[in-house]
């Protein structure tokens, strides 16, 4: 793997910002608004959403299937809690 293959937090934030611009999936914008209304800064909210996105990218990279929009949206609904985080550390 070379440096061009590494997905950085900046890359993830950029993907989230593109999702917001495209309003696709709509749940991303809804989640951003919900997180902002409950006290998260814009930066924190984007980072939370990027964490939920990373779960899907991680599974695709491991070869465990395709991007799972339903699970991504379920994880967005859980934010700012991230109960899936322990699964990634195993």
PDB file of N, CA and C in Angstrom:
ATOM      1  N   UNK A   1       0.859  -1.185   0.000  1.00  0.00           N
ATOM      2  CA  UNK A   1       0.000   0.000   0.000  1.00  0.00           C
ATOM      3  C   UNK A   1       0.895   1.236   0.000  1.00  0.00           C
ATOM      4  N   UNK A   2       0.631   2.175  -0.893  1.00  0.00           N
ATOM      5  CA  UNK A   2       1.404   3.407  -0.883  1.00  0.00           C
ATOM      6  C   UNK A   2       0.594   4.533  -0.261  1.00  0.00           C
ATOM      7  N   UNK A   3       1.240   5.695  -0.118  1.00  0.00           N
ATOM      8  CA  UNK A   3       0.579   6.813   0.546  1.00  0.00           C
ATOM      9  C   UNK A   3      -0.693   7.266  -0.160  1.00  0.00           C
ATOM     10  N   UNK A   4      -0.775   7.040  -1.476  1.00  0.00           N
ATOM     11  CA  UNK A   4      -1.976   7.436  -2.223  1.00  0.00           C
ATOM     12  C   UNK A   4      -3.181   6.574  -1.878  1.00  0.00           C
ATOM     13  N   UNK A   5      -2.950   5.385  -1.307  1.00  0.00           N
ATOM     14  CA  UNK A   5      -4.031   4.461  -0.972  1.00  0.00           C
ATOM     15  C   UNK A   5      -4.599   4.691   0.426  1.00  0.00           C
ATOM     16  N   UNK A   6      -3.957   5.551   1.202  1.00  0.00           N
ATOM     17  CA  UNK A   6      -4.378   5.763   2.584  1.00  0.00           C
ATOM     18  C   UNK A   6      -5.512   6.785   2.626  1.00  0.00           C
ATOM     19  N   UNK A   7      -6.593   6.417   3.282  1.00  0.00           N
ATOM     20  CA  UNK A   7      -7.739   7.301   3.439  1.00  0.00           C
ATOM     21  C   UNK A   7      -7.545   8.096   4.720  1.00  0.00           C
ATOM     22  N   UNK A   8      -7.426   9.387   4.610  1.00  0.00           N
ATOM     23  CA  UNK A   8      -7.188  10.243   5.767  1.00  0.00           C
ATOM     24  C   UNK A   8      -8.495  10.810   6.298  1.00  0.00           C
ATOM     25  N   UNK A   9      -8.426  11.385   7.480  1.00  0.00           N
ATOM     26  CA  UNK A   9      -9.621  12.022   8.044  1.00  0.00           C
ATOM     27  C   UNK A   9     -10.062  13.182   7.148  1.00  0.00           C
ATOM     28  N   UNK A  10      -9.093  13.859   6.524  1.00  0.00           N
ATOM     29  CA  UNK A  10      -9.442  14.948   5.608  1.00  0.00           C
ATOM     30  C   UNK A  10     -10.219  14.413   4.402  1.00  0.00           C
ATOM     31  N   UNK A  11      -9.807  13.236   3.904  1.00  0.00           N
ATOM     32  CA  UNK A  11     -10.535  12.622   2.788  1.00  0.00           C
ATOM     33  C   UNK A  11     -11.964  12.282   3.197  1.00  0.00           C
ATOM     34  N   UNK A  12     -12.117  11.742   4.390  1.00  0.00           N
ATOM     35  CA  UNK A  12     -13.448  11.373   4.879  1.00  0.00           C
ATOM     36  C   UNK A  12     -14.334  12.604   5.024  1.00  0.00           C
ATOM     37  N   UNK A  13     -13.770  13.677   5.582  1.00  0.00           N
ATOM     38  CA  UNK A  13     -14.535  14.918   5.742  1.00  0.00           C
ATOM     39  C   UNK A  13     -14.951  15.447   4.366  1.00  0.00           C
ATOM     40  N   UNK A  14     -14.051  15.362   3.401  1.00  0.00           N
ATOM     41  CA  UNK A  14     -14.374  15.808   2.045  1.00  0.00           C
ATOM     42  C   UNK A  14     -15.528  14.998   1.454  1.00  0.00           C
ATOM     43  N   UNK A  15     -15.509  13.693   1.684  1.00  0.00           N
ATOM     44  CA  UNK A  15     -16.605  12.843   1.197  1.00  0.00           C
ATOM     45  C   UNK A  15     -17.918  13.252   1.857  1.00  0.00           C
ATOM     46  N   UNK A  16     -17.885  13.480   3.173  1.00  0.00           N
ATOM     47  CA  UNK A  16     -19.090  13.907   3.896  1.00  0.00           C
ATOM     48  C   UNK A  16     -19.580  15.253   3.350  1.00  0.00           C
ATOM     49  N   UNK A  17     -18.664  16.182   3.117  1.00  0.00           N
ATOM     50  CA  UNK A  17     -19.058  17.486   2.573  1.00  0.00           C
ATOM     51  C   UNK A  17     -19.684  17.332   1.188  1.00  0.00           C
ATOM     52  N   UNK A  18     -19.155  16.416   0.389  1.00  0.00           N
ATOM     53  CA  UNK A  18     -19.762  16.147  -0.919  1.00  0.00           C
ATOM     54  C   UNK A  18     -21.159  15.563  -0.767  1.00  0.00           C
ATOM     55  N   UNK A  19     -21.337  14.675   0.212  1.00  0.00           N
ATOM     56  CA  UNK A  19     -22.666  14.119   0.467  1.00  0.00           C
ATOM     57  C   UNK A  19     -23.630  15.227   0.866  1.00  0.00           C
ATOM     58  N   UNK A  20     -23.155  16.169   1.659  1.00  0.00           N
ATOM     59  CA  UNK A  20     -24.001  17.291   2.075  1.00  0.00           C
ATOM     60  C   UNK A  20     -24.364  18.164   0.876  1.00  0.00           C
ATOM     61  N   UNK A  21     -23.401  18.458   0.034  1.00  0.00           N
ATOM     62  CA  UNK A  21     -23.638  19.282  -1.152  1.00  0.00           C
ATOM     63  C   UNK A  21     -24.646  18.618  -2.078  1.00  0.00           C
ATOM     64  N   UNK A  22     -24.482  17.310  -2.257  1.00  0.00           N
ATOM     65  CA  UNK A  22     -25.370  16.558  -3.152  1.00  0.00           C
ATOM     66  C   UNK A  22     -26.689  16.187  -2.492  1.00  0.00           C
ATOM     67  N   UNK A  23     -26.768  16.383  -1.165  1.00  0.00           N
ATOM     68  CA  UNK A  23     -27.921  15.963  -0.376  1.00  0.00           C
ATOM     69  C   UNK A  23     -28.227  14.482  -0.618  1.00  0.00           C
ATOM     70  N   UNK A  24     -27.153  13.696  -0.651  1.00  0.00           N
ATOM     71  CA  UNK A  24     -27.282  12.265  -0.908  1.00  0.00           C
ATOM     72  C   UNK A  24     -26.201  11.521  -0.139  1.00  0.00           C
ATOM     73  N   UNK A  25     -26.575  10.711   0.821  1.00  0.00           N
ATOM     74  CA  UNK A  25     -27.948  10.459   1.274  1.00  0.00           C
ATOM     75  C   UNK A  25     -28.467  11.616   2.143  1.00  0.00           C
ATOM     76  N   UNK A  26     -29.764  11.791   2.103  1.00  0.00           N
ATOM     77  CA  UNK A  26     -30.404  12.879   2.847  1.00  0.00           C
ATOM     78  C   UNK A  26     -30.151  12.781   4.346  1.00  0.00           C
ATOM     79  N   UNK A  27     -29.972  11.573   4.834  1.00  0.00           N
ATOM     80  CA  UNK A  27     -29.758  11.344   6.259  1.00  0.00           C
ATOM     81  C   UNK A  27     -28.506  12.074   6.760  1.00  0.00           C
ATOM     82  N   UNK A  28     -27.533  12.314   5.893  1.00  0.00           N
ATOM     83  CA  UNK A  28     -26.308  13.001   6.314  1.00  0.00           C
ATOM     84  C   UNK A  28     -26.634  14.435   6.737  1.00  0.00           C
ATOM     85  N   UNK A  29     -27.405  15.134   5.931  1.00  0.00           N
ATOM     86  CA  UNK A  29     -27.788  16.511   6.264  1.00  0.00           C
ATOM     87  C   UNK A  29     -28.673  16.542   7.512  1.00  0.00           C
ATOM     88  N   UNK A  30     -29.593  15.609   7.608  1.00  0.00           N
ATOM     89  CA  UNK A  30     -30.454  15.525   8.792  1.00  0.00           C
ATOM     90  C   UNK A  30     -29.610  15.305  10.045  1.00  0.00           C
ATOM     91  N   UNK A  31     -28.613  14.454   9.924  1.00  0.00           N
ATOM     92  CA  UNK A  31     -27.749  14.146  11.065  1.00  0.00           C
ATOM     93  C   UNK A  31     -26.921  15.364  11.446  1.00  0.00           C
ATOM     94  N   UNK A  32     -26.388  16.057  10.459  1.00  0.00           N
ATOM     95  CA  UNK A  32     -25.616  17.268  10.738  1.00  0.00           C
ATOM     96  C   UNK A  32     -26.472  18.273  11.496  1.00  0.00           C
ATOM     97  N   UNK A  33     -27.680  18.498  11.032  1.00  0.00           N
ATOM     98  CA  UNK A  33     -28.576  19.448  11.689  1.00  0.00           C
ATOM     99  C   UNK A  33     -28.891  19.003  13.114  1.00  0.00           C
ATOM    100  N   UNK A  34     -29.162  17.708  13.298  1.00  0.00           N
ATOM    101  CA  UNK A  34     -29.478  17.191  14.637  1.00  0.00           C
ATOM    102  C   UNK A  34     -28.299  17.367  15.590  1.00  0.00           C
ATOM    103  N   UNK A  35     -27.109  17.026  15.114  1.00  0.00           N
ATOM    104  CA  UNK A  35     -25.920  17.156  15.964  1.00  0.00           C
ATOM    105  C   UNK A  35     -25.645  18.612  16.317  1.00  0.00           C
ATOM    106  N   UNK A  36     -25.817  19.511  15.353  1.00  0.00           N
ATOM    107  CA  UNK A  36     -25.609  20.939  15.623  1.00  0.00           C
ATOM    108  C   UNK A  36     -26.626  21.452  16.638  1.00  0.00           C
ATOM    109  N   UNK A  37     -27.880  20.993  16.516  1.00  0.00           N
ATOM    110  CA  UNK A  37     -28.929  21.446  17.431  1.00  0.00           C
ATOM    111  C   UNK A  37     -28.735  20.910  18.841  1.00  0.00           C
ATOM    112  N   UNK A  38     -27.958  19.839  18.975  1.00  0.00           N
ATOM    113  CA  UNK A  38     -27.737  19.264  20.304  1.00  0.00           C
ATOM    114  C   UNK A  38     -26.375  19.657  20.873  1.00  0.00           C
ATOM    115  N   UNK A  39     -25.733  20.666  20.244  1.00  0.00           N
ATOM    116  CA  UNK A  39     -24.537  21.238  20.849  1.00  0.00           C
ATOM    117  C   UNK A  39     -23.206  20.931  20.203  1.00  0.00           C
ATOM    118  N   UNK A  40     -23.176  20.096  19.213  1.00  0.00           N
ATOM    119  CA  UNK A  40     -21.908  19.817  18.533  1.00  0.00           C
ATOM    120  C   UNK A  40     -21.539  20.987  17.631  1.00  0.00           C
ATOM    121  N   UNK A  41     -20.252  21.262  17.544  1.00  0.00           N
ATOM    122  CA  UNK A  41     -19.790  22.254  16.583  1.00  0.00           C
ATOM    123  C   UNK A  41     -19.900  21.649  15.182  1.00  0.00           C
ATOM    124  N   UNK A  42     -19.769  22.485  14.171  1.00  0.00           N
ATOM    125  CA  UNK A  42     -19.789  22.003  12.792  1.00  0.00           C
ATOM    126  C   UNK A  42     -18.672  20.975  12.592  1.00  0.00           C
ATOM    127  N   UNK A  43     -17.484  21.294  13.068  1.00  0.00           N
ATOM    128  CA  UNK A  43     -16.339  20.397  12.908  1.00  0.00           C
ATOM    129  C   UNK A  43     -16.570  19.062  13.620  1.00  0.00           C
ATOM    130  N   UNK A  44     -17.075  19.113  14.842  1.00  0.00           N
ATOM    131  CA  UNK A  44     -17.360  17.873  15.575  1.00  0.00           C
ATOM    132  C   UNK A  44     -18.399  17.034  14.846  1.00  0.00           C
ATOM    133  N   UNK A  45     -19.450  17.683  14.372  1.00  0.00           N
ATOM    134  CA  UNK A  45     -20.515  16.956  13.683  1.00  0.00           C
ATOM    135  C   UNK A  45     -19.986  16.273  12.428  1.00  0.00           C
ATOM    136  N   UNK A  46     -19.165  16.984  11.659  1.00  0.00           N
ATOM    137  CA  UNK A  46     -18.581  16.384  10.456  1.00  0.00           C
ATOM    138  C   UNK A  46     -17.691  15.197  10.811  1.00  0.00           C
ATOM    139  N   UNK A  47     -16.944  15.323  11.895  1.00  0.00           N
ATOM    140  CA  UNK A  47     -16.083  14.222  12.328  1.00  0.00           C
ATOM    141  C   UNK A  47     -16.906  13.013  12.767  1.00  0.00           C
ATOM    142  N   UNK A  48     -17.998  13.237  13.475  1.00  0.00           N
ATOM    143  CA  UNK A  48     -18.879  12.132  13.864  1.00  0.00           C
ATOM    144  C   UNK A  48     -19.418  11.412  12.625  1.00  0.00           C
ATOM    145  N   UNK A  49     -19.889  12.188  11.666  1.00  0.00           N
ATOM    146  CA  UNK A  49     -20.445  11.592  10.449  1.00  0.00           C
ATOM    147  C   UNK A  49     -19.364  10.819   9.703  1.00  0.00           C
ATOM    148  N   UNK A  50     -18.163  11.379   9.649  1.00  0.00           N
ATOM    149  CA  UNK A  50     -17.045  10.692   9.000  1.00  0.00           C
ATOM    150  C   UNK A  50     -16.744   9.361   9.686  1.00  0.00           C
ATOM    151  N   UNK A  51     -16.899   9.296  10.993  1.00  0.00           N
ATOM    152  CA  UNK A  51     -16.696   8.033  11.718  1.00  0.00           C
ATOM    153  C   UNK A  51     -17.711   6.981  11.279  1.00  0.00           C
ATOM    154  N   UNK A  52     -18.948   7.393  11.120  1.00  0.00           N
ATOM    155  CA  UNK A  52     -19.979   6.450  10.659  1.00  0.00           C
ATOM    156  C   UNK A  52     -19.680   5.994   9.235  1.00  0.00           C
ATOM    157  N   UNK A  53     -19.208   6.904   8.407  1.00  0.00           N
ATOM    158  CA  UNK A  53     -18.850   6.564   7.029  1.00  0.00           C
ATOM    159  C   UNK A  53     -17.678   5.586   7.002  1.00  0.00           C
ATOM    160  N   UNK A  54     -16.734   5.767   7.892  1.00  0.00           N
ATOM    161  CA  UNK A  54     -15.542   4.922   7.916  1.00  0.00           C
ATOM    162  C   UNK A  54     -15.884   3.454   8.141  1.00  0.00           C
ATOM    163  N   UNK A  55     -16.920   3.173   8.901  1.00  0.00           N
ATOM    164  CA  UNK A  55     -17.338   1.792   9.129  1.00  0.00           C
ATOM    165  C   UNK A  55     -17.620   1.105   7.797  1.00  0.00           C
ATOM    166  N   UNK A  56     -18.333   1.791   6.934  1.00  0.00           N
ATOM    167  CA  UNK A  56     -18.686   1.207   5.639  1.00  0.00           C
ATOM    168  C   UNK A  56     -17.458   1.062   4.740  1.00  0.00           C
ATOM    169  N   UNK A  57     -16.626   2.066   4.722  1.00  0.00           N
ATOM    170  CA  UNK A  57     -15.414   2.007   3.905  1.00  0.00           C
ATOM    171  C   UNK A  57     -14.498   0.899   4.400  1.00  0.00           C
ATOM    172  N   UNK A  58     -14.410   0.747   5.701  1.00  0.00           N
ATOM    173  CA  UNK A  58     -13.577  -0.296   6.310  1.00  0.00           C
ATOM    174  C   UNK A  58     -14.035  -1.688   5.862  1.00  0.00           C
ATOM    175  N   UNK A  59     -15.335  -1.927   5.901  1.00  0.00           N
ATOM    176  CA  UNK A  59     -15.852  -3.242   5.494  1.00  0.00           C
ATOM    177  C   UNK A  59     -15.634  -3.502   4.009  1.00  0.00           C
ATOM    178  N   UNK A  60     -15.809  -2.484   3.184  1.00  0.00           N
ATOM    179  CA  UNK A  60     -15.569  -2.649   1.749  1.00  0.00           C
ATOM    180  C   UNK A  60     -14.091  -2.946   1.520  1.00  0.00           C
ATOM    181  N   UNK A  61     -13.219  -2.226   2.202  1.00  0.00           N
ATOM    182  CA  UNK A  61     -11.773  -2.425   2.035  1.00  0.00           C
ATOM    183  C   UNK A  61     -11.340  -3.819   2.490  1.00  0.00           C
ATOM    184  N   UNK A  62     -12.016  -4.356   3.487  1.00  0.00           N
ATOM    185  CA  UNK A  62     -11.697  -5.708   3.966  1.00  0.00           C
ATOM    186  C   UNK A  62     -12.282  -6.772   3.049  1.00  0.00           C
ATOM    187  N   UNK A  63     -13.034  -6.352   2.054  1.00  0.00           N
ATOM    188  CA  UNK A  63     -13.625  -7.303   1.121  1.00  0.00           C
ATOM    189  C   UNK A  63     -14.848  -7.999   1.672  1.00  0.00           C
ATOM    190  N   UNK A  64     -15.525  -7.332   2.608  1.00  0.00           N
ATOM    191  CA  UNK A  64     -16.698  -7.942   3.245  1.00  0.00           C
ATOM    192  C   UNK A  64     -18.008  -7.414   2.680  1.00  0.00           C
ATOM    193  N   UNK A  65     -17.998  -7.069   1.413  1.00  0.00           N
ATOM    194  CA  UNK A  65     -19.255  -6.673   0.800  1.00  0.00           C
ATOM    195  C   UNK A  65     -19.220  -5.279   0.230  1.00  0.00           C
ATOM    196  N   UNK A  66     -20.394  -4.823  -0.132  1.00  0.00           N
ATOM    197  CA  UNK A  66     -20.562  -3.511  -0.732  1.00  0.00           C
ATOM    198  C   UNK A  66     -20.944  -2.500   0.338  1.00  0.00           C
ATOM    199  N   UNK A  67     -20.905  -1.231  -0.054  1.00  0.00           N
ATOM    200  CA  UNK A  67     -21.321  -0.157   0.835  1.00  0.00           C
ATOM    201  C   UNK A  67     -22.761  -0.410   1.259  1.00  0.00           C
ATOM    202  N   UNK A  68     -23.001  -0.405   2.574  1.00  0.00           N
ATOM    203  CA  UNK A  68     -24.315  -0.723   3.122  1.00  0.00           C
ATOM    204  C   UNK A  68     -24.998   0.572   3.563  1.00  0.00           C
ATOM    205  N   UNK A  69     -25.800   1.153   2.678  1.00  0.00           N
ATOM    206  CA  UNK A  69     -26.461   2.431   2.961  1.00  0.00           C
ATOM    207  C   UNK A  69     -27.368   2.332   4.175  1.00  0.00           C
ATOM    208  N   UNK A  70     -28.093   1.241   4.299  1.00  0.00           N
ATOM    209  CA  UNK A  70     -29.013   1.080   5.436  1.00  0.00           C
ATOM    210  C   UNK A  70     -28.244   1.120   6.754  1.00  0.00           C
ATOM    211  N   UNK A  71     -27.131   0.394   6.828  1.00  0.00           N
ATOM    212  CA  UNK A  71     -26.343   0.386   8.066  1.00  0.00           C
ATOM    213  C   UNK A  71     -25.710   1.754   8.308  1.00  0.00           C
ATOM    214  N   UNK A  72     -25.246   2.404   7.250  1.00  0.00           N
ATOM    215  CA  UNK A  72     -24.682   3.749   7.377  1.00  0.00           C
ATOM    216  C   UNK A  72     -25.712   4.694   7.991  1.00  0.00           C
ATOM    217  N   UNK A  73     -26.929   4.651   7.499  1.00  0.00           N
ATOM    218  CA  UNK A  73     -27.981   5.511   8.030  1.00  0.00           C
ATOM    219  C   UNK A  73     -28.332   5.142   9.470  1.00  0.00           C
ATOM    220  N   UNK A  74     -28.299   3.861   9.797  1.00  0.00           N
ATOM    221  CA  UNK A  74     -28.541   3.437  11.182  1.00  0.00           C
ATOM    222  C   UNK A  74     -27.452   3.983  12.102  1.00  0.00           C
ATOM    223  N   UNK A  75     -26.212   3.948  11.633  1.00  0.00           N
ATOM    224  CA  UNK A  75     -25.108   4.487  12.430  1.00  0.00           C
ATOM    225  C   UNK A  75     -25.223   6.003  12.567  1.00  0.00           C
ATOM    226  N   UNK A  76     -25.663   6.670  11.517  1.00  0.00           N
ATOM    227  CA  UNK A  76     -25.878   8.114  11.612  1.00  0.00           C
ATOM    228  C   UNK A  76     -26.922   8.426  12.687  1.00  0.00           C
ATOM    229  N   UNK A  77     -27.960   7.600  12.770  1.00  0.00           N
ATOM    230  CA  UNK A  77     -28.999   7.803  13.785  1.00  0.00           C
ATOM    231  C   UNK A  77     -28.462   7.650  15.202  1.00  0.00           C
ATOM    232  N   UNK A  78     -27.414   6.871  15.386  1.00  0.00           N
ATOM    233  CA  UNK A  78     -26.847   6.626  16.714  1.00  0.00           C
ATOM    234  C   UNK A  78     -25.934   7.752  17.201  1.00  0.00           C
ATOM    235  N   UNK A  79     -25.420   8.542  16.264  1.00  0.00           N
ATOM    236  CA  UNK A  79     -24.465   9.591  16.638  1.00  0.00           C
ATOM    237  C   UNK A  79     -25.064  10.572  17.625  1.00  0.00           C
ATOM    238  N   UNK A  80     -24.313  11.067  18.596  1.00  0.00           N
ATOM    239  CA  UNK A  80     -22.866  10.977  18.717  1.00  0.00           C
ATOM    240  C   UNK A  80     -22.345   9.693  19.377  1.00  0.00           C
ATOM    241  N   UNK A  81     -23.227   8.815  19.764  1.00  0.00           N
ATOM    242  CA  UNK A  81     -22.764   7.524  20.290  1.00  0.00           C
ATOM    243  C   UNK A  81     -22.207   6.699  19.143  1.00  0.00           C
ATOM    244  N   UNK A  82     -21.183   5.911  19.425  1.00  0.00           N
ATOM    245  CA  UNK A  82     -20.573   5.078  18.386  1.00  0.00           C
ATOM    246  C   UNK A  82     -20.329   3.665  18.920  1.00  0.00           C
ATOM    247  N   UNK A  83     -21.400   2.915  19.144  1.00  0.00           N
ATOM    248  CA  UNK A  83     -21.239   1.577  19.729  1.00  0.00           C
ATOM    249  C   UNK A  83     -20.475   0.610  18.826  1.00  0.00           C
ATOM    250  N   UNK A  84     -20.381   0.882  17.544  1.00  0.00           N
ATOM    251  CA  UNK A  84     -19.660   0.018  16.615  1.00  0.00           C
ATOM    252  C   UNK A  84     -18.148   0.183  16.730  1.00  0.00           C
ATOM    253  N   UNK A  85     -17.690   1.196  17.424  1.00  0.00           N
ATOM    254  CA  UNK A  85     -16.268   1.517  17.489  1.00  0.00           C
ATOM    255  C   UNK A  85     -15.431   0.353  18.031  1.00  0.00           C
ATOM    256  N   UNK A  86     -15.947  -0.364  19.018  1.00  0.00           N
ATOM    257  CA  UNK A  86     -15.214  -1.503  19.578  1.00  0.00           C
ATOM    258  C   UNK A  86     -15.006  -2.590  18.547  1.00  0.00           C
ATOM    259  N   UNK A  87     -15.960  -2.779  17.632  1.00  0.00           N
ATOM    260  CA  UNK A  87     -15.829  -3.794  16.591  1.00  0.00           C
ATOM    261  C   UNK A  87     -14.664  -3.499  15.664  1.00  0.00           C
ATOM    262  N   UNK A  88     -14.397  -2.221  15.411  1.00  0.00           N
ATOM    263  CA  UNK A  88     -13.304  -1.846  14.516  1.00  0.00           C
ATOM    264  C   UNK A  88     -11.940  -2.061  15.153  1.00  0.00           C
ATOM    265  N   UNK A  89     -11.899  -2.018  16.480  1.00  0.00           N
ATOM    266  CA  UNK A  89     -10.621  -2.151  17.171  1.00  0.00           C
ATOM    267  C   UNK A  89     -10.191  -3.598  17.340  1.00  0.00           C
ATOM    268  N   UNK A  90     -11.091  -4.542  17.092  1.00  0.00           N
ATOM    269  CA  UNK A  90     -10.745  -5.964  17.245  1.00  0.00           C
ATOM    270  C   UNK A  90      -9.874  -6.448  16.119  1.00  0.00           C
TER     271      UNK A  90
END
